[in-house]
Amino acid sequence: GTPVLGMPIGGVPELVRPGQTGWLAKEANSAALEEALSEALLDIAAGKTLRESCRAIAEQAYGIELQAKRYEALFTSML
């Protein structure tokens, strides 16, 4: 349930959903990160909370039962 601030590198863009699970810089540089941080601070100051949506998305997309099913499917496909 904790929103994050990230840069668009590696797998971060697949995990951070702007407005739902956190804030994502538009580019991988300090100016873009500063802009995203400013946006996050303004949202937080305005009372915006992403805790509920973060938790819901984490449980729905990355829950342990779903992970187990995905691993089972992967291992079955390798037989």
C-alpha atoms as a PDB file:
ATOM      1  CA  GLY A   1       0.000   0.000   0.000  1.00  0.00           C
ATOM      2  CA  THR A   2       2.953   2.353  -0.357  1.00  0.00           C
ATOM      3  CA  PRO A   3       3.120   4.395  -3.573  1.00  0.00           C
ATOM      4  CA  VAL A   4       6.506   4.835  -5.221  1.00  0.00           C
ATOM      5  CA  LEU A   5       8.387   7.345  -7.311  1.00  0.00           C
ATOM      6  CA  GLY A   6      10.440   5.855 -10.136  1.00  0.00           C
ATOM      7  CA  MET A   7      12.273   6.409 -13.369  1.00  0.00           C
ATOM      8  CA  PRO A   8      11.416   4.696 -16.676  1.00  0.00           C
ATOM      9  CA  ILE A   9      14.240   2.148 -16.616  1.00  0.00           C
ATOM     10  CA  GLY A  10      14.310  -1.625 -16.349  1.00  0.00           C
ATOM     11  CA  GLY A  11      11.010  -3.080 -15.205  1.00  0.00           C
ATOM     12  CA  VAL A  12       9.917   0.024 -13.312  1.00  0.00           C
ATOM     13  CA  PRO A  13       7.437   1.254 -15.971  1.00  0.00           C
ATOM     14  CA  GLU A  14       5.630  -2.093 -15.802  1.00  0.00           C
ATOM     15  CA  LEU A  15       5.223  -1.799 -12.030  1.00  0.00           C
ATOM     16  CA  VAL A  16       4.507   1.898 -11.521  1.00  0.00           C
ATOM     17  CA  ARG A  17       1.099   2.925 -12.766  1.00  0.00           C
ATOM     18  CA  PRO A  18       0.945   6.719 -12.627  1.00  0.00           C
ATOM     19  CA  GLY A  19      -1.973   7.938 -10.558  1.00  0.00           C
ATOM     20  CA  GLN A  20      -2.592   4.454  -9.160  1.00  0.00           C
ATOM     21  CA  THR A  21       0.605   3.044  -7.646  1.00  0.00           C
ATOM     22  CA  GLY A  22       2.883   6.065  -7.719  1.00  0.00           C
ATOM     23  CA  TRP A  23       4.593   8.597  -9.909  1.00  0.00           C
ATOM     24  CA  LEU A  24       6.832   7.883 -12.889  1.00  0.00           C
ATOM     25  CA  ALA A  25       9.348  10.322 -14.317  1.00  0.00           C
ATOM     26  CA  LYS A  26       8.913  10.904 -18.050  1.00  0.00           C
ATOM     27  CA  GLU A  27      12.614  10.308 -18.737  1.00  0.00           C
ATOM     28  CA  ALA A  28      15.596   8.824 -16.917  1.00  0.00           C
ATOM     29  CA  ASN A  29      17.247  12.063 -15.877  1.00  0.00           C
ATOM     30  CA  SER A  30      17.363  14.283 -12.808  1.00  0.00           C
ATOM     31  CA  ALA A  31      15.138  17.023 -14.252  1.00  0.00           C
ATOM     32  CA  ALA A  32      12.346  14.561 -15.034  1.00  0.00           C
ATOM     33  CA  LEU A  33      12.720  12.951 -11.604  1.00  0.00           C
ATOM     34  CA  GLU A  34      12.489  16.390  -9.985  1.00  0.00           C
ATOM     35  CA  GLU A  35       9.299  17.087 -11.944  1.00  0.00           C
ATOM     36  CA  ALA A  36       7.752  13.769 -10.884  1.00  0.00           C
ATOM     37  CA  LEU A  37       8.739  14.384  -7.260  1.00  0.00           C
ATOM     38  CA  SER A  38       7.181  17.861  -7.364  1.00  0.00           C
ATOM     39  CA  GLU A  39       3.980  16.335  -8.752  1.00  0.00           C
ATOM     40  CA  ALA A  40       3.982  13.708  -6.003  1.00  0.00           C
ATOM     41  CA  LEU A  41       4.495  16.302  -3.272  1.00  0.00           C
ATOM     42  CA  LEU A  42       1.687  18.475  -4.659  1.00  0.00           C
ATOM     43  CA  ASP A  43      -0.642  15.462  -4.831  1.00  0.00           C
ATOM     44  CA  ILE A  44       0.202  14.467  -1.262  1.00  0.00           C
ATOM     45  CA  ALA A  45      -0.224  18.042  -0.004  1.00  0.00           C
ATOM     46  CA  ALA A  46      -3.637  18.119  -1.683  1.00  0.00           C
ATOM     47  CA  GLY A  47      -4.626  15.005   0.260  1.00  0.00           C
ATOM     48  CA  LYS A  48      -4.321  12.516  -2.572  1.00  0.00           C
ATOM     49  CA  THR A  49      -3.499   9.071  -1.323  1.00  0.00           C
ATOM     50  CA  LEU A  50      -2.717   6.082  -3.469  1.00  0.00           C
ATOM     51  CA  ARG A  51      -2.517   3.561  -0.624  1.00  0.00           C
ATOM     52  CA  GLU A  52      -5.802   1.819  -1.393  1.00  0.00           C
ATOM     53  CA  SER A  53      -5.192   1.550  -5.126  1.00  0.00           C
ATOM     54  CA  CYS A  54      -1.582   0.419  -4.538  1.00  0.00           C
ATOM     55  CA  ARG A  55      -2.708  -2.368  -2.243  1.00  0.00           C
ATOM     56  CA  ALA A  56      -5.557  -3.476  -4.508  1.00  0.00           C
ATOM     57  CA  ILE A  57      -3.344  -3.615  -7.605  1.00  0.00           C
ATOM     58  CA  ALA A  58      -0.564  -5.428  -5.742  1.00  0.00           C
ATOM     59  CA  GLU A  59      -2.980  -8.078  -4.485  1.00  0.00           C
ATOM     60  CA  GLN A  60      -4.692  -8.445  -7.866  1.00  0.00           C
ATOM     61  CA  ALA A  61      -1.627  -8.490 -10.116  1.00  0.00           C
ATOM     62  CA  TYR A  62       1.082  -9.921  -7.852  1.00  0.00           C
ATOM     63  CA  GLY A  63      -0.704 -11.997  -5.206  1.00  0.00           C
ATOM     64  CA  ILE A  64       0.972 -15.186  -4.021  1.00  0.00           C
ATOM     65  CA  GLU A  65      -1.761 -17.440  -5.432  1.00  0.00           C
ATOM     66  CA  LEU A  66      -1.461 -15.840  -8.862  1.00  0.00           C
ATOM     67  CA  GLN A  67       2.321 -16.162  -8.755  1.00  0.00           C
ATOM     68  CA  ALA A  68       2.007 -19.849  -7.883  1.00  0.00           C
ATOM     69  CA  LYS A  69      -0.375 -20.428 -10.806  1.00  0.00           C
ATOM     70  CA  ARG A  70       1.964 -18.616 -13.172  1.00  0.00           C
ATOM     71  CA  TYR A  71       4.959 -20.671 -12.003  1.00  0.00           C
ATOM     72  CA  GLU A  72       2.936 -23.863 -12.366  1.00  0.00           C
ATOM     73  CA  ALA A  73       1.978 -22.890 -15.928  1.00  0.00           C
ATOM     74  CA  LEU A  74       5.580 -22.035 -16.750  1.00  0.00           C
ATOM     75  CA  PHE A  75       6.964 -25.294 -15.368  1.00  0.00           C
ATOM     76  CA  THR A  76       4.219 -27.323 -17.062  1.00  0.00           C
ATOM     77  CA  SER A  77       5.028 -25.691 -20.391  1.00  0.00           C
ATOM     78  CA  MET A  78       8.649 -26.825 -20.014  1.00  0.00           C
ATOM     79  CA  LEU A  79       7.758 -30.515 -19.824  1.00  0.00           C
END
